[in-house]
Each structure stands twice: as structure tokens, then as C-alpha cells.
Amino acid sequence: MKATEFRDKIDAYFAGCEDENVFPDEAGLKLALNLTDRAYLAFLSRTDRAGRAFRDALEIARMRRESILGRRQFRDGKGYMFSASASPERATPEHADERAAESAPGKDTVEVILRGEEDYFA
């Protein structure tokens, strides 16, 4: 396969994901390119002149996925926000009674806030 055909398949994969409104993950890209994990890694590790075009195409695809995810996570109030915090001063034995009253025995509480839509490309 030529590097231009390889890039065209990657572009078609991203277009299909956008049409179906699904996130373009790495596994889906491998399937679209008909590559095993081993072959995918081989393309990523190529350093010869011809191989750099394939490697660069996969790196650009990775950056495209990160860009889509980043835009989705950080646009105005429509992304995902995960927060977890622990107060180091409350991790001492003297605060054990307070922590026990606030949570189940032996477990800490983590608040997860999910906001957003299912449109990855908007």
C-alpha cells in the first residue's frame, strides 16, 4: 500500500466516525486499516525514508483524536470534568472518626461530575 492510500484510509475512517458520531479510537483505526497490533507498532517504529510517511500519518491521526477529545472536554460546559480530592490534613488518625461518619467503612468518597452531549464533532 502506498502512503497516500494509507492516509486516504485514515481520512475515510475519521469521516465515517464523524458521520456516525462516534469517537475515532485507536482500535477502530487499526481495524479500518486492517492492521494487527504488531503491524501497527511496526509502522510507528519505521525510520526509513519510505516508512516515515506511514509513521507520520499515524502520528497525525493520534493528534486528530487528541484534538477531538480535547475540544469535547473543554468547550463551554459541555465536556467531562472529573475531580477527586483528598485533604492531607484529614488523612491523619485524629480525623478517622470524621472520615468514618462521611463514608462507608474503609472507603473514601470521590465525586465525579459528568456533563455533556453525545456529539463528539460539534
N, C-alpha and C. Protein backbone atom coordinates (compact mmCIF):
# COMPACT_ATOMS: atom_id res chain seq x y z
N MET A 1 0.85 -1.17 0.00
CA MET A 1 0.00 0.00 0.00
C MET A 1 0.90 1.24 0.00
N LYS A 2 0.51 2.23 -0.76
CA LYS A 2 1.25 3.49 -0.80
C LYS A 2 0.84 4.37 0.37
N ALA A 3 1.72 5.28 0.72
CA ALA A 3 1.45 6.17 1.84
C ALA A 3 0.21 7.03 1.59
N THR A 4 0.00 7.44 0.34
CA THR A 4 -1.19 8.25 0.04
C THR A 4 -2.47 7.45 0.25
N GLU A 5 -2.46 6.17 -0.11
CA GLU A 5 -3.63 5.31 0.12
C GLU A 5 -3.84 5.12 1.62
N PHE A 6 -2.76 4.98 2.35
CA PHE A 6 -2.80 4.83 3.80
C PHE A 6 -3.46 6.06 4.43
N ARG A 7 -3.02 7.24 4.02
CA ARG A 7 -3.62 8.48 4.55
C ARG A 7 -5.08 8.60 4.15
N ASP A 8 -5.41 8.20 2.93
CA ASP A 8 -6.81 8.24 2.49
C ASP A 8 -7.69 7.34 3.35
N LYS A 9 -7.18 6.16 3.70
CA LYS A 9 -7.95 5.26 4.57
C LYS A 9 -8.15 5.87 5.95
N ILE A 10 -7.12 6.55 6.45
CA ILE A 10 -7.24 7.21 7.75
C ILE A 10 -8.29 8.32 7.67
N ASP A 11 -8.23 9.12 6.62
CA ASP A 11 -9.22 10.19 6.44
C ASP A 11 -10.63 9.63 6.34
N ALA A 12 -10.78 8.52 5.62
CA ALA A 12 -12.10 7.88 5.48
C ALA A 12 -12.59 7.38 6.83
N TYR A 13 -11.68 6.85 7.64
CA TYR A 13 -12.06 6.39 8.98
C TYR A 13 -12.59 7.55 9.81
N PHE A 14 -11.87 8.68 9.81
CA PHE A 14 -12.33 9.84 10.58
C PHE A 14 -13.66 10.37 10.04
N ALA A 15 -13.82 10.41 8.74
CA ALA A 15 -15.09 10.87 8.15
C ALA A 15 -16.24 9.95 8.56
N GLY A 16 -15.99 8.63 8.55
CA GLY A 16 -17.01 7.68 8.97
C GLY A 16 -17.39 7.86 10.43
N CYS A 17 -16.40 8.11 11.26
CA CYS A 17 -16.67 8.34 12.68
C CYS A 17 -17.53 9.59 12.86
N GLU A 18 -17.20 10.62 12.10
CA GLU A 18 -17.99 11.85 12.20
C GLU A 18 -19.42 11.61 11.72
N ASP A 19 -19.58 10.88 10.63
CA ASP A 19 -20.92 10.58 10.12
C ASP A 19 -21.74 9.78 11.13
N GLU A 20 -21.08 8.86 11.84
CA GLU A 20 -21.76 8.01 12.82
C GLU A 20 -21.76 8.62 14.22
N ASN A 21 -21.10 9.78 14.37
CA ASN A 21 -20.98 10.46 15.66
C ASN A 21 -20.40 9.55 16.74
N VAL A 22 -19.31 8.89 16.40
CA VAL A 22 -18.58 8.07 17.37
C VAL A 22 -17.15 8.59 17.47
N PHE A 23 -16.56 8.40 18.62
CA PHE A 23 -15.19 8.85 18.82
C PHE A 23 -14.23 7.96 18.04
N PRO A 24 -13.30 8.54 17.29
CA PRO A 24 -12.34 7.76 16.49
C PRO A 24 -11.22 7.21 17.36
N ASP A 25 -11.41 6.02 17.89
CA ASP A 25 -10.40 5.45 18.78
C ASP A 25 -9.31 4.70 18.01
N GLU A 26 -8.26 4.36 18.72
CA GLU A 26 -7.12 3.70 18.10
C GLU A 26 -7.47 2.30 17.59
N ALA A 27 -8.26 1.57 18.34
CA ALA A 27 -8.66 0.23 17.91
C ALA A 27 -9.47 0.29 16.62
N GLY A 28 -10.36 1.25 16.53
CA GLY A 28 -11.15 1.41 15.32
C GLY A 28 -10.29 1.77 14.12
N LEU A 29 -9.27 2.60 14.36
CA LEU A 29 -8.36 2.96 13.29
C LEU A 29 -7.58 1.73 12.80
N LYS A 30 -7.12 0.92 13.74
CA LYS A 30 -6.40 -0.31 13.36
C LYS A 30 -7.30 -1.21 12.51
N LEU A 31 -8.55 -1.34 12.92
CA LEU A 31 -9.48 -2.16 12.15
C LEU A 31 -9.72 -1.58 10.76
N ALA A 32 -9.87 -0.27 10.69
CA ALA A 32 -10.10 0.38 9.39
C ALA A 32 -8.91 0.19 8.45
N LEU A 33 -7.72 0.16 9.03
CA LEU A 33 -6.50 -0.04 8.24
C LEU A 33 -6.16 -1.51 8.05
N ASN A 34 -6.95 -2.38 8.69
CA ASN A 34 -6.73 -3.82 8.63
C ASN A 34 -5.34 -4.19 9.16
N LEU A 35 -4.99 -3.59 10.31
CA LEU A 35 -3.68 -3.82 10.91
C LEU A 35 -3.82 -4.53 12.25
N THR A 36 -2.93 -5.46 12.48
CA THR A 36 -2.83 -6.06 13.81
C THR A 36 -2.07 -5.09 14.71
N ASP A 37 -2.07 -5.36 16.01
CA ASP A 37 -1.30 -4.52 16.92
C ASP A 37 0.18 -4.52 16.52
N ARG A 38 0.69 -5.69 16.18
CA ARG A 38 2.10 -5.82 15.80
C ARG A 38 2.41 -4.99 14.55
N ALA A 39 1.55 -5.06 13.54
CA ALA A 39 1.78 -4.30 12.31
C ALA A 39 1.67 -2.80 12.58
N TYR A 40 0.71 -2.42 13.41
CA TYR A 40 0.54 -1.01 13.77
C TYR A 40 1.81 -0.48 14.43
N LEU A 41 2.32 -1.24 15.40
CA LEU A 41 3.55 -0.83 16.09
C LEU A 41 4.74 -0.80 15.14
N ALA A 42 4.76 -1.72 14.19
CA ALA A 42 5.84 -1.73 13.20
C ALA A 42 5.80 -0.46 12.36
N PHE A 43 4.61 -0.01 11.97
CA PHE A 43 4.50 1.24 11.22
C PHE A 43 4.98 2.42 12.06
N LEU A 44 4.64 2.41 13.34
CA LEU A 44 5.04 3.51 14.22
C LEU A 44 6.55 3.56 14.46
N SER A 45 7.21 2.43 14.34
CA SER A 45 8.64 2.40 14.64
C SER A 45 9.52 2.52 13.39
N ARG A 46 8.91 2.64 12.22
CA ARG A 46 9.71 2.74 11.00
C ARG A 46 10.46 4.06 10.95
N THR A 47 11.73 3.98 10.60
CA THR A 47 12.55 5.18 10.49
C THR A 47 13.13 5.36 9.09
N ASP A 48 12.94 4.36 8.23
CA ASP A 48 13.44 4.50 6.86
C ASP A 48 12.64 5.58 6.13
N ARG A 49 13.17 6.04 5.04
CA ARG A 49 12.56 7.16 4.30
C ARG A 49 11.11 6.85 3.93
N ALA A 50 10.86 5.71 3.35
CA ALA A 50 9.50 5.35 2.94
C ALA A 50 8.59 5.17 4.16
N GLY A 51 9.12 4.62 5.23
CA GLY A 51 8.32 4.35 6.42
C GLY A 51 7.91 5.57 7.19
N ARG A 52 8.68 6.65 7.06
CA ARG A 52 8.35 7.87 7.80
C ARG A 52 6.98 8.41 7.40
N ALA A 53 6.59 8.27 6.15
CA ALA A 53 5.28 8.77 5.71
C ALA A 53 4.16 8.01 6.42
N PHE A 54 4.31 6.70 6.60
CA PHE A 54 3.30 5.90 7.30
C PHE A 54 3.28 6.28 8.79
N ARG A 55 4.47 6.37 9.37
CA ARG A 55 4.56 6.73 10.78
C ARG A 55 3.95 8.10 11.02
N ASP A 56 4.29 9.06 10.16
CA ASP A 56 3.75 10.41 10.32
C ASP A 56 2.23 10.43 10.18
N ALA A 57 1.69 9.63 9.27
CA ALA A 57 0.23 9.57 9.10
C ALA A 57 -0.43 9.06 10.38
N LEU A 58 0.17 8.07 11.03
CA LEU A 58 -0.40 7.55 12.28
C LEU A 58 -0.25 8.56 13.41
N GLU A 59 0.86 9.28 13.43
CA GLU A 59 1.04 10.31 14.46
C GLU A 59 0.02 11.44 14.28
N ILE A 60 -0.22 11.82 13.04
CA ILE A 60 -1.23 12.86 12.77
C ILE A 60 -2.61 12.37 13.19
N ALA A 61 -2.91 11.10 12.93
CA ALA A 61 -4.20 10.52 13.34
C ALA A 61 -4.32 10.57 14.87
N ARG A 62 -3.25 10.27 15.58
CA ARG A 62 -3.27 10.33 17.04
C ARG A 62 -3.56 11.76 17.50
N MET A 63 -2.91 12.73 16.87
CA MET A 63 -3.14 14.12 17.25
C MET A 63 -4.57 14.55 16.92
N ARG A 64 -5.13 14.05 15.83
CA ARG A 64 -6.52 14.37 15.49
C ARG A 64 -7.45 13.85 16.58
N ARG A 65 -7.21 12.60 17.03
CA ARG A 65 -8.04 12.04 18.11
C ARG A 65 -7.92 12.88 19.37
N GLU A 66 -6.70 13.26 19.73
CA GLU A 66 -6.49 14.08 20.92
C GLU A 66 -7.18 15.43 20.79
N SER A 67 -7.13 16.00 19.60
CA SER A 67 -7.76 17.29 19.37
C SER A 67 -9.28 17.19 19.53
N ILE A 68 -9.87 16.17 18.97
CA ILE A 68 -11.32 15.97 19.09
C ILE A 68 -11.69 15.80 20.55
N LEU A 69 -10.95 14.98 21.26
CA LEU A 69 -11.22 14.74 22.67
C LEU A 69 -11.02 16.00 23.49
N GLY A 70 -9.95 16.72 23.21
CA GLY A 70 -9.68 17.95 23.94
C GLY A 70 -10.77 18.99 23.73
N ARG A 71 -11.21 19.16 22.49
CA ARG A 71 -12.29 20.12 22.24
C ARG A 71 -13.56 19.69 22.96
N ARG A 72 -13.82 18.39 22.95
CA ARG A 72 -15.03 17.88 23.61
C ARG A 72 -14.96 18.11 25.11
N GLN A 73 -13.81 17.91 25.69
CA GLN A 73 -13.69 18.03 27.15
C GLN A 73 -13.73 19.46 27.64
N PHE A 74 -13.25 20.39 26.86
CA PHE A 74 -13.05 21.72 27.39
C PHE A 74 -13.91 22.82 26.79
N ARG A 75 -14.88 22.46 25.95
CA ARG A 75 -15.73 23.54 25.45
C ARG A 75 -16.72 23.95 26.53
N ASP A 76 -17.35 25.07 26.37
CA ASP A 76 -18.17 25.69 27.41
C ASP A 76 -19.19 24.77 28.04
N GLY A 77 -18.86 24.24 29.19
CA GLY A 77 -19.81 23.47 29.97
C GLY A 77 -20.33 22.21 29.33
N LYS A 78 -19.75 21.76 28.24
CA LYS A 78 -20.28 20.59 27.56
C LYS A 78 -19.30 19.42 27.60
N GLY A 79 -18.24 19.55 28.35
CA GLY A 79 -17.25 18.48 28.39
C GLY A 79 -17.38 17.66 29.65
N TYR A 80 -16.45 16.78 29.81
CA TYR A 80 -16.41 15.96 31.01
C TYR A 80 -15.46 16.61 32.00
N MET A 81 -15.81 16.57 33.25
CA MET A 81 -14.92 17.06 34.27
C MET A 81 -14.86 16.00 35.36
N PHE A 82 -13.69 15.52 35.63
CA PHE A 82 -13.51 14.55 36.68
C PHE A 82 -12.72 15.24 37.78
N SER A 83 -13.20 15.14 38.99
CA SER A 83 -12.44 15.74 40.08
C SER A 83 -12.40 14.77 41.24
N ALA A 84 -11.26 14.71 41.83
CA ALA A 84 -11.07 13.90 43.04
C ALA A 84 -10.11 14.67 43.92
N SER A 85 -10.43 14.76 45.16
CA SER A 85 -9.52 15.47 46.05
C SER A 85 -9.51 14.80 47.40
N ALA A 86 -8.41 14.96 48.04
CA ALA A 86 -8.25 14.44 49.40
C ALA A 86 -7.53 15.52 50.19
N SER A 87 -7.93 15.67 51.38
CA SER A 87 -7.30 16.66 52.24
C SER A 87 -6.20 15.98 53.04
N PRO A 88 -4.93 16.30 52.79
CA PRO A 88 -3.84 15.63 53.50
C PRO A 88 -3.96 15.76 55.02
N GLU A 89 -4.46 16.91 55.49
CA GLU A 89 -4.56 17.07 56.94
C GLU A 89 -5.62 16.15 57.54
N ARG A 90 -6.59 15.72 56.73
CA ARG A 90 -7.63 14.82 57.23
C ARG A 90 -7.21 13.36 57.12
N ALA A 91 -6.04 13.10 56.58
CA ALA A 91 -5.57 11.73 56.44
C ALA A 91 -4.89 11.23 57.70
N THR A 92 -4.92 12.03 58.72
CA THR A 92 -4.26 11.65 59.98
C THR A 92 -5.22 10.84 60.85
N PRO A 93 -4.68 10.05 61.76
CA PRO A 93 -5.54 9.22 62.62
C PRO A 93 -6.56 10.02 63.44
N GLU A 94 -6.21 11.27 63.81
CA GLU A 94 -7.15 12.03 64.62
C GLU A 94 -8.45 12.37 63.90
N HIS A 95 -8.45 12.30 62.57
CA HIS A 95 -9.66 12.62 61.80
C HIS A 95 -10.39 11.36 61.33
N ALA A 96 -10.01 10.22 61.84
CA ALA A 96 -10.61 8.96 61.41
C ALA A 96 -12.11 8.94 61.69
N ASP A 97 -12.54 9.46 62.84
CA ASP A 97 -13.97 9.46 63.17
C ASP A 97 -14.77 10.31 62.18
N GLU A 98 -14.23 11.46 61.80
CA GLU A 98 -14.91 12.33 60.83
C GLU A 98 -15.04 11.61 59.48
N ARG A 99 -13.96 10.99 59.04
CA ARG A 99 -13.99 10.30 57.75
C ARG A 99 -14.96 9.12 57.79
N ALA A 100 -14.99 8.40 58.88
CA ALA A 100 -15.89 7.26 59.00
C ALA A 100 -17.34 7.70 58.96
N ALA A 101 -17.63 8.85 59.54
CA ALA A 101 -19.01 9.35 59.55
C ALA A 101 -19.44 9.78 58.14
N GLU A 102 -18.50 10.17 57.32
CA GLU A 102 -18.82 10.67 55.98
C GLU A 102 -18.87 9.59 54.92
N SER A 103 -18.27 8.45 55.16
CA SER A 103 -18.21 7.43 54.12
C SER A 103 -18.35 6.04 54.71
N ALA A 104 -18.49 5.07 53.82
CA ALA A 104 -18.59 3.68 54.25
C ALA A 104 -17.27 3.27 54.85
N PRO A 105 -17.29 2.27 55.74
CA PRO A 105 -16.06 1.83 56.37
C PRO A 105 -15.00 1.40 55.35
N GLY A 106 -13.80 1.99 55.50
CA GLY A 106 -12.69 1.60 54.64
C GLY A 106 -12.73 2.17 53.24
N LYS A 107 -13.68 3.06 52.96
CA LYS A 107 -13.78 3.60 51.61
C LYS A 107 -13.77 5.12 51.67
N ASP A 108 -13.17 5.72 50.67
CA ASP A 108 -13.20 7.17 50.53
C ASP A 108 -14.24 7.54 49.50
N THR A 109 -14.68 8.75 49.54
CA THR A 109 -15.69 9.23 48.60
C THR A 109 -15.01 10.05 47.51
N VAL A 110 -15.36 9.77 46.28
CA VAL A 110 -14.87 10.54 45.14
C VAL A 110 -16.08 11.03 44.37
N GLU A 111 -16.11 12.32 44.12
CA GLU A 111 -17.20 12.91 43.37
C GLU A 111 -16.81 12.98 41.90
N VAL A 112 -17.67 12.47 41.04
CA VAL A 112 -17.44 12.53 39.59
C VAL A 112 -18.62 13.27 38.98
N ILE A 113 -18.32 14.32 38.25
CA ILE A 113 -19.35 15.13 37.60
C ILE A 113 -19.22 14.92 36.10
N LEU A 114 -20.29 14.46 35.48
CA LEU A 114 -20.30 14.27 34.04
C LEU A 114 -21.29 15.23 33.42
N ARG A 115 -20.81 15.99 32.46
CA ARG A 115 -21.68 16.90 31.72
C ARG A 115 -21.36 16.72 30.26
N GLY A 116 -22.35 16.86 29.44
CA GLY A 116 -22.03 16.85 28.02
C GLY A 116 -23.11 16.26 27.16
N GLU A 117 -22.81 16.28 25.89
CA GLU A 117 -23.67 15.74 24.87
C GLU A 117 -22.96 14.56 24.25
N GLU A 118 -23.64 13.88 23.39
CA GLU A 118 -23.02 12.75 22.70
C GLU A 118 -22.45 13.12 21.35
N ASP A 119 -22.36 14.41 21.05
CA ASP A 119 -21.85 14.83 19.75
C ASP A 119 -20.37 15.17 19.88
N TYR A 120 -19.51 14.27 19.40
CA TYR A 120 -18.07 14.48 19.52
C TYR A 120 -17.54 15.52 18.55
N PHE A 121 -18.29 15.86 17.52
CA PHE A 121 -17.76 16.70 16.46
C PHE A 121 -18.37 18.09 16.41
N ALA A 122 -19.27 18.39 17.32
CA ALA A 122 -19.93 19.71 17.30
C ALA A 122 -19.00 20.77 17.86
